[in-house]
Amino acid sequence: MRKDNAWQTIQDDYLPEPVSRVWNKVAVLAVEGVFYFLVNDSIIYSTQDHSLPPGDLGLIYSLDYPRAFAIFEFDEFILRQPQK
């Protein structure tokens, strides 16, 4: 997450890996300062941060090994505001 003009690590523990070589559904749901991170409709992590201003969207990744690479493909990328 971005806070005070710097990226903050929100989870640095082991998480279940998405299924390889198939499309996975990745989602982030933010409700009044609570962030839910989902893979294939399962919540894998949640955190609270009421200091972040609403309205920004970003994507960041890191790789653990030198010369490692990643390829990201998005199909049907949707950004929407939840209904109240």
N, C-alpha and C. Protein backbone atom coordinates (compact mmCIF):
# COMPACT_ATOMS: atom_id res chain seq x y z
N MET A 1 0.85 -1.16 0.00
CA MET A 1 0.00 0.00 0.00
C MET A 1 0.89 1.22 0.00
N ARG A 2 0.38 2.30 -0.55
CA ARG A 2 1.13 3.55 -0.61
C ARG A 2 0.70 4.42 0.56
N LYS A 3 1.66 4.88 1.35
CA LYS A 3 1.37 5.71 2.51
C LYS A 3 2.55 6.64 2.73
N ASP A 4 2.27 7.92 2.95
CA ASP A 4 3.32 8.91 3.18
C ASP A 4 4.37 8.89 2.07
N ASN A 5 3.92 8.82 0.83
CA ASN A 5 4.79 8.82 -0.36
C ASN A 5 5.79 7.67 -0.39
N ALA A 6 5.46 6.55 0.24
CA ALA A 6 6.33 5.37 0.22
C ALA A 6 5.47 4.11 0.21
N TRP A 7 5.99 3.05 -0.40
CA TRP A 7 5.27 1.78 -0.41
C TRP A 7 5.46 1.08 0.92
N GLN A 8 4.37 0.59 1.48
CA GLN A 8 4.38 -0.12 2.76
C GLN A 8 4.02 -1.59 2.51
N THR A 9 4.81 -2.51 3.06
CA THR A 9 4.50 -3.93 2.95
C THR A 9 3.33 -4.25 3.87
N ILE A 10 2.29 -4.86 3.33
CA ILE A 10 1.13 -5.18 4.15
C ILE A 10 1.10 -6.64 4.56
N GLN A 11 1.81 -7.48 3.81
CA GLN A 11 1.85 -8.91 4.14
C GLN A 11 3.15 -9.46 3.59
N ASP A 12 3.96 -10.04 4.44
CA ASP A 12 5.22 -10.60 3.99
C ASP A 12 5.37 -12.06 4.43
N ASP A 13 4.26 -12.69 4.72
CA ASP A 13 4.25 -14.09 5.12
C ASP A 13 3.86 -14.96 3.93
N TYR A 14 3.96 -16.24 4.10
CA TYR A 14 3.53 -17.17 3.06
C TYR A 14 2.04 -17.05 2.82
N LEU A 15 1.68 -17.01 1.57
CA LEU A 15 0.27 -17.04 1.17
C LEU A 15 0.07 -18.20 0.22
N PRO A 16 -1.10 -18.79 0.19
CA PRO A 16 -1.34 -19.86 -0.78
C PRO A 16 -1.15 -19.33 -2.19
N GLU A 17 -0.50 -20.11 -3.03
CA GLU A 17 -0.23 -19.66 -4.39
C GLU A 17 -1.46 -19.85 -5.27
N PRO A 18 -1.65 -18.92 -6.20
CA PRO A 18 -2.71 -19.13 -7.19
C PRO A 18 -2.41 -20.37 -8.03
N VAL A 19 -3.38 -20.87 -8.71
CA VAL A 19 -3.21 -22.05 -9.55
C VAL A 19 -2.38 -21.66 -10.77
N SER A 20 -1.32 -22.40 -11.04
CA SER A 20 -0.44 -22.10 -12.16
C SER A 20 -1.08 -22.46 -13.49
N ARG A 21 -0.73 -21.69 -14.49
CA ARG A 21 -1.10 -21.93 -15.89
C ARG A 21 -2.61 -21.89 -16.16
N VAL A 22 -3.35 -21.29 -15.28
CA VAL A 22 -4.77 -21.04 -15.54
C VAL A 22 -5.06 -19.61 -15.11
N TRP A 23 -6.17 -19.07 -15.58
CA TRP A 23 -6.56 -17.73 -15.18
C TRP A 23 -7.03 -17.75 -13.73
N ASN A 24 -6.56 -16.79 -12.94
CA ASN A 24 -6.96 -16.65 -11.56
C ASN A 24 -7.68 -15.32 -11.40
N LYS A 25 -8.65 -15.28 -10.54
CA LYS A 25 -9.38 -14.05 -10.25
C LYS A 25 -8.74 -13.41 -9.01
N VAL A 26 -8.22 -12.20 -9.17
CA VAL A 26 -7.59 -11.46 -8.09
C VAL A 26 -8.42 -10.22 -7.83
N ALA A 27 -8.72 -9.96 -6.56
CA ALA A 27 -9.57 -8.81 -6.23
C ALA A 27 -9.12 -8.17 -4.93
N VAL A 28 -9.34 -6.88 -4.83
CA VAL A 28 -9.15 -6.13 -3.59
C VAL A 28 -10.44 -5.38 -3.34
N LEU A 29 -10.99 -5.56 -2.16
CA LEU A 29 -12.21 -4.89 -1.77
C LEU A 29 -11.88 -3.97 -0.61
N ALA A 30 -12.18 -2.69 -0.74
CA ALA A 30 -11.93 -1.73 0.34
C ALA A 30 -13.27 -1.19 0.82
N VAL A 31 -13.51 -1.35 2.10
CA VAL A 31 -14.76 -0.89 2.71
C VAL A 31 -14.42 -0.11 3.97
N GLU A 32 -14.59 1.20 3.91
CA GLU A 32 -14.39 2.08 5.06
C GLU A 32 -13.08 1.80 5.79
N GLY A 33 -11.97 1.75 5.04
CA GLY A 33 -10.66 1.58 5.66
C GLY A 33 -10.24 0.14 5.91
N VAL A 34 -11.08 -0.82 5.58
CA VAL A 34 -10.72 -2.23 5.70
C VAL A 34 -10.49 -2.77 4.29
N PHE A 35 -9.33 -3.39 4.07
CA PHE A 35 -8.96 -3.92 2.77
C PHE A 35 -8.97 -5.44 2.82
N TYR A 36 -9.70 -6.05 1.89
CA TYR A 36 -9.77 -7.50 1.77
C TYR A 36 -9.09 -7.90 0.46
N PHE A 37 -8.16 -8.85 0.54
CA PHE A 37 -7.44 -9.33 -0.63
C PHE A 37 -7.92 -10.73 -0.93
N LEU A 38 -8.39 -10.95 -2.15
CA LEU A 38 -9.00 -12.22 -2.53
C LEU A 38 -8.29 -12.82 -3.74
N VAL A 39 -8.18 -14.15 -3.76
CA VAL A 39 -7.74 -14.90 -4.93
C VAL A 39 -8.78 -15.97 -5.16
N ASN A 40 -9.34 -15.97 -6.36
CA ASN A 40 -10.38 -16.94 -6.73
C ASN A 40 -11.52 -16.95 -5.71
N ASP A 41 -11.97 -15.75 -5.34
CA ASP A 41 -13.11 -15.53 -4.44
C ASP A 41 -12.87 -15.96 -2.99
N SER A 42 -11.63 -16.27 -2.63
CA SER A 42 -11.31 -16.61 -1.24
C SER A 42 -10.47 -15.49 -0.63
N ILE A 43 -10.87 -15.03 0.54
CA ILE A 43 -10.10 -13.99 1.22
C ILE A 43 -8.80 -14.61 1.72
N ILE A 44 -7.67 -14.04 1.28
CA ILE A 44 -6.37 -14.55 1.71
C ILE A 44 -5.72 -13.64 2.74
N TYR A 45 -6.21 -12.41 2.86
CA TYR A 45 -5.63 -11.47 3.81
C TYR A 45 -6.57 -10.28 3.95
N SER A 46 -6.56 -9.67 5.13
CA SER A 46 -7.30 -8.41 5.32
C SER A 46 -6.50 -7.54 6.27
N THR A 47 -6.65 -6.24 6.13
CA THR A 47 -5.97 -5.29 7.00
C THR A 47 -6.79 -4.02 7.08
N GLN A 48 -6.52 -3.22 8.09
CA GLN A 48 -7.21 -1.94 8.26
C GLN A 48 -6.21 -0.81 8.13
N ASP A 49 -6.62 0.26 7.47
CA ASP A 49 -5.82 1.47 7.41
C ASP A 49 -6.77 2.61 7.08
N HIS A 50 -7.07 3.40 8.07
CA HIS A 50 -8.01 4.50 7.89
C HIS A 50 -7.31 5.80 7.51
N SER A 51 -5.98 5.76 7.34
CA SER A 51 -5.24 6.98 7.02
C SER A 51 -5.09 7.20 5.52
N LEU A 52 -5.38 6.21 4.71
CA LEU A 52 -5.20 6.35 3.27
C LEU A 52 -6.35 7.12 2.64
N PRO A 53 -6.03 8.07 1.76
CA PRO A 53 -7.11 8.79 1.09
C PRO A 53 -7.77 7.91 0.03
N PRO A 54 -9.07 8.04 -0.14
CA PRO A 54 -9.75 7.24 -1.17
C PRO A 54 -9.45 7.77 -2.56
N GLY A 55 -9.61 6.89 -3.54
CA GLY A 55 -9.57 7.33 -4.93
C GLY A 55 -8.36 6.92 -5.74
N ASP A 56 -7.32 6.34 -5.16
CA ASP A 56 -6.15 5.94 -5.92
C ASP A 56 -6.13 4.43 -6.12
N LEU A 57 -5.53 4.00 -7.22
CA LEU A 57 -5.40 2.59 -7.54
C LEU A 57 -3.99 2.35 -8.02
N GLY A 58 -3.36 1.26 -7.60
CA GLY A 58 -2.01 0.95 -8.05
C GLY A 58 -1.76 -0.54 -7.99
N LEU A 59 -0.68 -0.95 -8.65
CA LEU A 59 -0.27 -2.34 -8.65
C LEU A 59 1.24 -2.37 -8.49
N ILE A 60 1.72 -3.17 -7.58
CA ILE A 60 3.15 -3.31 -7.36
C ILE A 60 3.46 -4.78 -7.14
N TYR A 61 4.65 -5.19 -7.51
CA TYR A 61 5.07 -6.56 -7.27
C TYR A 61 6.57 -6.55 -6.96
N SER A 62 7.04 -7.61 -6.38
CA SER A 62 8.48 -7.77 -6.16
C SER A 62 8.84 -9.21 -6.44
N LEU A 63 10.07 -9.40 -6.87
CA LEU A 63 10.58 -10.74 -7.15
C LEU A 63 11.74 -11.02 -6.21
N ASP A 64 11.84 -12.23 -5.73
CA ASP A 64 12.81 -12.58 -4.70
C ASP A 64 14.19 -12.98 -5.23
N TYR A 65 14.32 -13.21 -6.51
CA TYR A 65 15.57 -13.74 -7.04
C TYR A 65 16.13 -12.85 -8.14
N PRO A 66 17.46 -12.68 -8.19
CA PRO A 66 18.06 -11.92 -9.30
C PRO A 66 17.73 -12.57 -10.64
N ARG A 67 17.52 -11.77 -11.62
CA ARG A 67 17.18 -12.20 -12.98
C ARG A 67 15.85 -12.92 -13.08
N ALA A 68 15.06 -12.88 -12.03
CA ALA A 68 13.71 -13.45 -12.10
C ALA A 68 12.84 -12.51 -12.94
N PHE A 69 11.78 -13.02 -13.49
CA PHE A 69 10.88 -12.18 -14.26
C PHE A 69 9.45 -12.59 -13.99
N ALA A 70 8.55 -11.71 -14.33
CA ALA A 70 7.13 -11.99 -14.17
C ALA A 70 6.38 -11.44 -15.36
N ILE A 71 5.34 -12.11 -15.73
CA ILE A 71 4.46 -11.66 -16.81
C ILE A 71 3.06 -11.58 -16.23
N PHE A 72 2.44 -10.44 -16.35
CA PHE A 72 1.08 -10.25 -15.87
C PHE A 72 0.17 -9.99 -17.05
N GLU A 73 -0.92 -10.69 -17.12
CA GLU A 73 -1.93 -10.46 -18.14
C GLU A 73 -3.26 -10.25 -17.44
N PHE A 74 -4.00 -9.29 -17.92
CA PHE A 74 -5.31 -9.00 -17.34
C PHE A 74 -6.37 -9.22 -18.39
N ASP A 75 -7.40 -9.93 -18.00
CA ASP A 75 -8.55 -10.17 -18.86
C ASP A 75 -9.77 -9.69 -18.09
N GLU A 76 -10.51 -8.80 -18.67
CA GLU A 76 -11.71 -8.26 -18.02
C GLU A 76 -11.37 -7.52 -16.73
N PHE A 77 -10.41 -6.61 -16.79
CA PHE A 77 -10.05 -5.78 -15.64
C PHE A 77 -11.22 -4.85 -15.33
N ILE A 78 -11.71 -4.90 -14.10
CA ILE A 78 -12.88 -4.11 -13.72
C ILE A 78 -12.55 -3.30 -12.48
N LEU A 79 -12.85 -2.02 -12.52
CA LEU A 79 -12.71 -1.15 -11.37
C LEU A 79 -14.07 -0.54 -11.12
N ARG A 80 -14.60 -0.75 -9.91
CA ARG A 80 -15.92 -0.20 -9.63
C ARG A 80 -16.06 0.17 -8.17
N GLN A 81 -16.98 1.03 -7.92
CA GLN A 81 -17.30 1.44 -6.56
C GLN A 81 -18.41 0.55 -6.05
N PRO A 82 -18.22 -0.05 -4.86
CA PRO A 82 -19.29 -0.91 -4.33
C PRO A 82 -20.58 -0.11 -4.10
N GLN A 83 -21.69 -0.80 -4.27
CA GLN A 83 -22.97 -0.15 -4.01
C GLN A 83 -23.17 0.01 -2.51
N LYS A 84 -23.79 1.09 -2.13
CA LYS A 84 -24.03 1.34 -0.70
C LYS A 84 -25.36 0.82 -0.26
